[in-house]
PDB file of all heavy atoms in Angstrom:
ATOM      1  N   VAL A   1     292.608 -57.651  40.642  1.00  0.00           N
ATOM      2  CA  VAL A   1     292.326 -58.248  41.944  1.00  0.00           C
ATOM      3  C   VAL A   1     293.524 -59.097  42.347  1.00  0.00           C
ATOM      4  O   VAL A   1     293.984 -59.947  41.574  1.00  0.00           O
ATOM      5  CB  VAL A   1     291.048 -59.111  41.922  1.00  0.00           C
ATOM      6  CG1 VAL A   1     290.894 -59.900  43.226  1.00  0.00           C
ATOM      7  CG2 VAL A   1     289.818 -58.235  41.701  1.00  0.00           C
ATOM      8  N   LEU A   2     294.027 -58.862  43.569  1.00  0.00           N
ATOM      9  CA  LEU A   2     295.096 -59.688  44.139  1.00  0.00           C
ATOM     10  C   LEU A   2     294.463 -60.649  45.132  1.00  0.00           C
ATOM     11  O   LEU A   2     293.836 -60.220  46.107  1.00  0.00           O
ATOM     12  CB  LEU A   2     296.133 -58.823  44.860  1.00  0.00           C
ATOM     13  CG  LEU A   2     296.905 -57.797  44.046  1.00  0.00           C
ATOM     14  CD1 LEU A   2     297.976 -57.142  44.918  1.00  0.00           C
ATOM     15  CD2 LEU A   2     297.532 -58.433  42.828  1.00  0.00           C
ATOM     16  N   ASN A   3     294.626 -61.922  44.901  1.00  0.00           N
ATOM     17  CA  ASN A   3     294.079 -62.946  45.797  1.00  0.00           C
ATOM     18  C   ASN A   3     295.145 -63.332  46.808  1.00  0.00           C
ATOM     19  O   ASN A   3     296.048 -64.110  46.517  1.00  0.00           O
ATOM     20  CB  ASN A   3     293.622 -64.167  44.999  1.00  0.00           C
ATOM     21  CG  ASN A   3     292.997 -65.238  45.878  1.00  0.00           C
ATOM     22  OD1 ASN A   3     292.883 -65.074  47.091  1.00  0.00           O
ATOM     23  ND2 ASN A   3     292.583 -66.332  45.271  1.00  0.00           N
ATOM     24  N   ALA A   4     295.028 -62.759  48.014  1.00  0.00           N
ATOM     25  CA  ALA A   4     295.959 -63.053  49.109  1.00  0.00           C
ATOM     26  C   ALA A   4     295.164 -63.567  50.296  1.00  0.00           C
ATOM     27  O   ALA A   4     295.396 -63.156  51.440  1.00  0.00           O
ATOM     28  CB  ALA A   4     296.751 -61.805  49.475  1.00  0.00           C
ATOM     29  N   ALA A   5     294.228 -64.471  50.020  1.00  0.00           N
ATOM     30  CA  ALA A   5     293.272 -64.915  51.031  1.00  0.00           C
ATOM     31  C   ALA A   5     293.757 -66.093  51.864  1.00  0.00           C
ATOM     32  O   ALA A   5     292.957 -66.759  52.530  1.00  0.00           O
ATOM     33  CB  ALA A   5     291.936 -65.268  50.368  1.00  0.00           C
ATOM     34  N   GLY A   6     295.043 -66.377  51.845  1.00  0.00           N
ATOM     35  CA  GLY A   6     295.590 -67.426  52.703  1.00  0.00           C
ATOM     36  C   GLY A   6     294.998 -68.791  52.415  1.00  0.00           C
ATOM     37  O   GLY A   6     294.886 -69.211  51.252  1.00  0.00           O
ATOM     38  N   ALA A   7     294.613 -69.494  53.472  1.00  0.00           N
ATOM     39  CA  ALA A   7     294.070 -70.849  53.313  1.00  0.00           C
ATOM     40  C   ALA A   7     292.771 -70.867  52.536  1.00  0.00           C
ATOM     41  O   ALA A   7     292.338 -71.917  52.056  1.00  0.00           O
ATOM     42  CB  ALA A   7     293.867 -71.480  54.688  1.00  0.00           C
ATOM     43  N   TRP A   8     292.115 -69.716  52.387  1.00  0.00           N
ATOM     44  CA  TRP A   8     290.837 -69.611  51.681  1.00  0.00           C
ATOM     45  C   TRP A   8     291.017 -69.175  50.224  1.00  0.00           C
ATOM     46  O   TRP A   8     290.042 -68.942  49.523  1.00  0.00           O
ATOM     47  CB  TRP A   8     289.927 -68.616  52.406  1.00  0.00           C
ATOM     48  CG  TRP A   8     289.399 -69.130  53.710  1.00  0.00           C
ATOM     49  CD1 TRP A   8     288.177 -69.709  53.939  1.00  0.00           C
ATOM     50  CD2 TRP A   8     290.071 -69.133  54.970  1.00  0.00           C
ATOM     51  NE1 TRP A   8     288.053 -70.070  55.262  1.00  0.00           N
ATOM     52  CE2 TRP A   8     289.206 -69.725  55.935  1.00  0.00           C
ATOM     53  CE3 TRP A   8     291.315 -68.690  55.406  1.00  0.00           C
ATOM     54  CZ2 TRP A   8     289.560 -69.891  57.269  1.00  0.00           C
ATOM     55  CZ3 TRP A   8     291.670 -68.855  56.732  1.00  0.00           C
ATOM     56  CH2 TRP A   8     290.792 -69.444  57.649  1.00  0.00           C
ATOM     57  N   ALA A   9     292.254 -69.070  49.750  1.00  0.00           N
ATOM     58  CA  ALA A   9     292.513 -68.519  48.418  1.00  0.00           C
ATOM     59  C   ALA A   9     291.902 -69.347  47.294  1.00  0.00           C
ATOM     60  O   ALA A   9     291.603 -68.818  46.228  1.00  0.00           O
ATOM     61  CB  ALA A   9     294.020 -68.375  48.193  1.00  0.00           C
ATOM     62  N   GLY A  10     291.709 -70.630  47.509  1.00  0.00           N
ATOM     63  CA  GLY A  10     291.133 -71.478  46.470  1.00  0.00           C
ATOM     64  C   GLY A  10     289.628 -71.435  46.419  1.00  0.00           C
ATOM     65  O   GLY A  10     289.012 -72.122  45.577  1.00  0.00           O
ATOM     66  N   LEU A  11     288.998 -70.634  47.263  1.00  0.00           N
ATOM     67  CA  LEU A  11     287.534 -70.611  47.369  1.00  0.00           C
ATOM     68  C   LEU A  11     286.922 -69.313  46.868  1.00  0.00           C
ATOM     69  O   LEU A  11     285.734 -69.069  47.109  1.00  0.00           O
ATOM     70  CB  LEU A  11     287.122 -70.821  48.837  1.00  0.00           C
ATOM     71  CG  LEU A  11     287.629 -72.104  49.509  1.00  0.00           C
ATOM     72  CD1 LEU A  11     287.128 -72.176  50.950  1.00  0.00           C
ATOM     73  CD2 LEU A  11     287.183 -73.331  48.727  1.00  0.00           C
ATOM     74  N   LEU A  12     287.673 -68.479  46.177  1.00  0.00           N
ATOM     75  CA  LEU A  12     287.144 -67.207  45.691  1.00  0.00           C
ATOM     76  C   LEU A  12     286.158 -67.467  44.554  1.00  0.00           C
ATOM     77  O   LEU A  12     286.552 -67.938  43.486  1.00  0.00           O
ATOM     78  CB  LEU A  12     288.282 -66.318  45.208  1.00  0.00           C
ATOM     79  CG  LEU A  12     287.898 -64.931  44.689  1.00  0.00           C
ATOM     80  CD1 LEU A  12     287.220 -64.109  45.779  1.00  0.00           C
ATOM     81  CD2 LEU A  12     289.118 -64.210  44.126  1.00  0.00           C
ATOM     82  N   PRO A  13     284.865 -67.175  44.748  1.00  0.00           N
ATOM     83  CA  PRO A  13     283.875 -67.432  43.692  1.00  0.00           C
ATOM     84  C   PRO A  13     284.204 -66.678  42.408  1.00  0.00           C
ATOM     85  O   PRO A  13     284.679 -65.538  42.442  1.00  0.00           O
ATOM     86  CB  PRO A  13     282.561 -66.921  44.317  1.00  0.00           C
ATOM     87  CG  PRO A  13     282.778 -67.012  45.790  1.00  0.00           C
ATOM     88  CD  PRO A  13     284.227 -66.669  45.982  1.00  0.00           C
ATOM     89  N   GLY A  14     283.964 -67.338  41.308  1.00  0.00           N
ATOM     90  CA  GLY A  14     284.195 -66.735  40.004  1.00  0.00           C
ATOM     91  C   GLY A  14     285.569 -66.978  39.434  1.00  0.00           C
ATOM     92  O   GLY A  14     285.811 -66.683  38.256  1.00  0.00           O
ATOM     93  N   ASP A  15     286.486 -67.514  40.222  1.00  0.00           N
ATOM     94  CA  ASP A  15     287.833 -67.788  39.722  1.00  0.00           C
ATOM     95  C   ASP A  15     287.757 -68.973  38.765  1.00  0.00           C
ATOM     96  O   ASP A  15     287.386 -70.082  39.161  1.00  0.00           O
ATOM     97  CB  ASP A  15     288.763 -68.111  40.892  1.00  0.00           C
ATOM     98  CG  ASP A  15     290.220 -68.262  40.465  1.00  0.00           C
ATOM     99  OD1 ASP A  15     290.492 -68.401  39.255  1.00  0.00           O
ATOM    100  OD2 ASP A  15     291.092 -68.246  41.358  1.00  0.00           O
ATOM    101  N   PRO A  16     288.115 -68.781  37.485  1.00  0.00           N
ATOM    102  CA  PRO A  16     288.011 -69.893  36.527  1.00  0.00           C
ATOM    103  C   PRO A  16     289.041 -70.992  36.731  1.00  0.00           C
ATOM    104  O   PRO A  16     288.873 -72.096  36.203  1.00  0.00           O
ATOM    105  CB  PRO A  16     288.212 -69.202  35.176  1.00  0.00           C
ATOM    106  CG  PRO A  16     289.004 -67.979  35.489  1.00  0.00           C
ATOM    107  CD  PRO A  16     288.563 -67.536  36.849  1.00  0.00           C
ATOM    108  N   ALA A  17     290.103 -70.718  37.481  1.00  0.00           N
ATOM    109  CA  ALA A  17     291.154 -71.724  37.721  1.00  0.00           C
ATOM    110  C   ALA A  17     291.659 -71.552  39.143  1.00  0.00           C
ATOM    111  O   ALA A  17     292.762 -71.043  39.366  1.00  0.00           O
ATOM    112  CB  ALA A  17     292.284 -71.579  36.716  1.00  0.00           C
ATOM    113  N   PRO A  18     290.876 -71.967  40.143  1.00  0.00           N
ATOM    114  CA  PRO A  18     291.263 -71.741  41.541  1.00  0.00           C
ATOM    115  C   PRO A  18     292.595 -72.409  41.874  1.00  0.00           C
ATOM    116  O   PRO A  18     292.863 -73.530  41.435  1.00  0.00           O
ATOM    117  CB  PRO A  18     290.119 -72.383  42.339  1.00  0.00           C
ATOM    118  CG  PRO A  18     288.979 -72.481  41.385  1.00  0.00           C
ATOM    119  CD  PRO A  18     289.599 -72.672  40.032  1.00  0.00           C
ATOM    120  N   PRO A  19     293.447 -71.757  42.633  1.00  0.00           N
ATOM    121  CA  PRO A  19     294.725 -72.363  43.016  1.00  0.00           C
ATOM    122  C   PRO A  19     294.483 -73.506  44.000  1.00  0.00           C
ATOM    123  O   PRO A  19     293.585 -73.419  44.849  1.00  0.00           O
ATOM    124  CB  PRO A  19     295.473 -71.219  43.686  1.00  0.00           C
ATOM    125  CG  PRO A  19     294.395 -70.323  44.214  1.00  0.00           C
ATOM    126  CD  PRO A  19     293.274 -70.409  43.221  1.00  0.00           C
ATOM    127  N   PRO A  20     295.262 -74.581  43.909  1.00  0.00           N
ATOM    128  CA  PRO A  20     295.073 -75.733  44.808  1.00  0.00           C
ATOM    129  C   PRO A  20     295.686 -75.480  46.186  1.00  0.00           C
ATOM    130  O   PRO A  20     296.651 -76.124  46.597  1.00  0.00           O
ATOM    131  CB  PRO A  20     295.779 -76.862  44.071  1.00  0.00           C
ATOM    132  CG  PRO A  20     296.878 -76.172  43.311  1.00  0.00           C
ATOM    133  CD  PRO A  20     296.302 -74.839  42.893  1.00  0.00           C
ATOM    134  N   ILE A  21     295.117 -74.506  46.884  1.00  0.00           N
ATOM    135  CA  ILE A  21     295.598 -74.140  48.224  1.00  0.00           C
ATOM    136  C   ILE A  21     294.634 -74.709  49.253  1.00  0.00           C
ATOM    137  O   ILE A  21     293.416 -74.547  49.134  1.00  0.00           O
ATOM    138  CB  ILE A  21     295.708 -72.611  48.364  1.00  0.00           C
ATOM    139  CG1 ILE A  21     296.834 -72.098  47.464  1.00  0.00           C
ATOM    140  CG2 ILE A  21     295.946 -72.209  49.816  1.00  0.00           C
ATOM    141  CD1 ILE A  21     296.990 -70.589  47.446  1.00  0.00           C
ATOM    142  N   VAL A  22     295.183 -75.409  50.247  1.00  0.00           N
ATOM    143  CA  VAL A  22     294.361 -76.059  51.266  1.00  0.00           C
ATOM    144  C   VAL A  22     294.860 -75.678  52.657  1.00  0.00           C
ATOM    145  O   VAL A  22     296.024 -75.330  52.834  1.00  0.00           O
ATOM    146  CB  VAL A  22     294.389 -77.594  51.104  1.00  0.00           C
ATOM    147  CG1 VAL A  22     293.791 -78.018  49.771  1.00  0.00           C
ATOM    148  CG2 VAL A  22     295.810 -78.125  51.246  1.00  0.00           C
ATOM    149  N   PRO A  23     293.986 -75.736  53.655  1.00  0.00           N
ATOM    150  CA  PRO A  23     294.413 -75.400  55.017  1.00  0.00           C
ATOM    151  C   PRO A  23     295.240 -76.508  55.653  1.00  0.00           C
ATOM    152  O   PRO A  23     294.936 -77.693  55.497  1.00  0.00           O
ATOM    153  CB  PRO A  23     293.086 -75.207  55.757  1.00  0.00           C
ATOM    154  CG  PRO A  23     292.114 -76.066  55.017  1.00  0.00           C
ATOM    155  CD  PRO A  23     292.542 -76.034  53.580  1.00  0.00           C
ATOM    156  N   VAL A  24     296.284 -76.121  56.372  1.00  0.00           N
ATOM    157  CA  VAL A  24     297.117 -77.051  57.133  1.00  0.00           C
ATOM    158  C   VAL A  24     297.219 -76.494  58.560  1.00  0.00           C
ATOM    159  O   VAL A  24     297.817 -75.443  58.773  1.00  0.00           O
ATOM    160  CB  VAL A  24     298.521 -77.205  56.522  1.00  0.00           C
ATOM    161  CG1 VAL A  24     299.329 -78.235  57.314  1.00  0.00           C
ATOM    162  CG2 VAL A  24     298.435 -77.616  55.052  1.00  0.00           C
TER     163      VAL A  24
END
């Protein structure tokens, strides 16, 4: 799975270590 969800990339359920990506 490639997570390229932009500002929502840190919100993918099930990710054990979500990236600290926030909307600006």
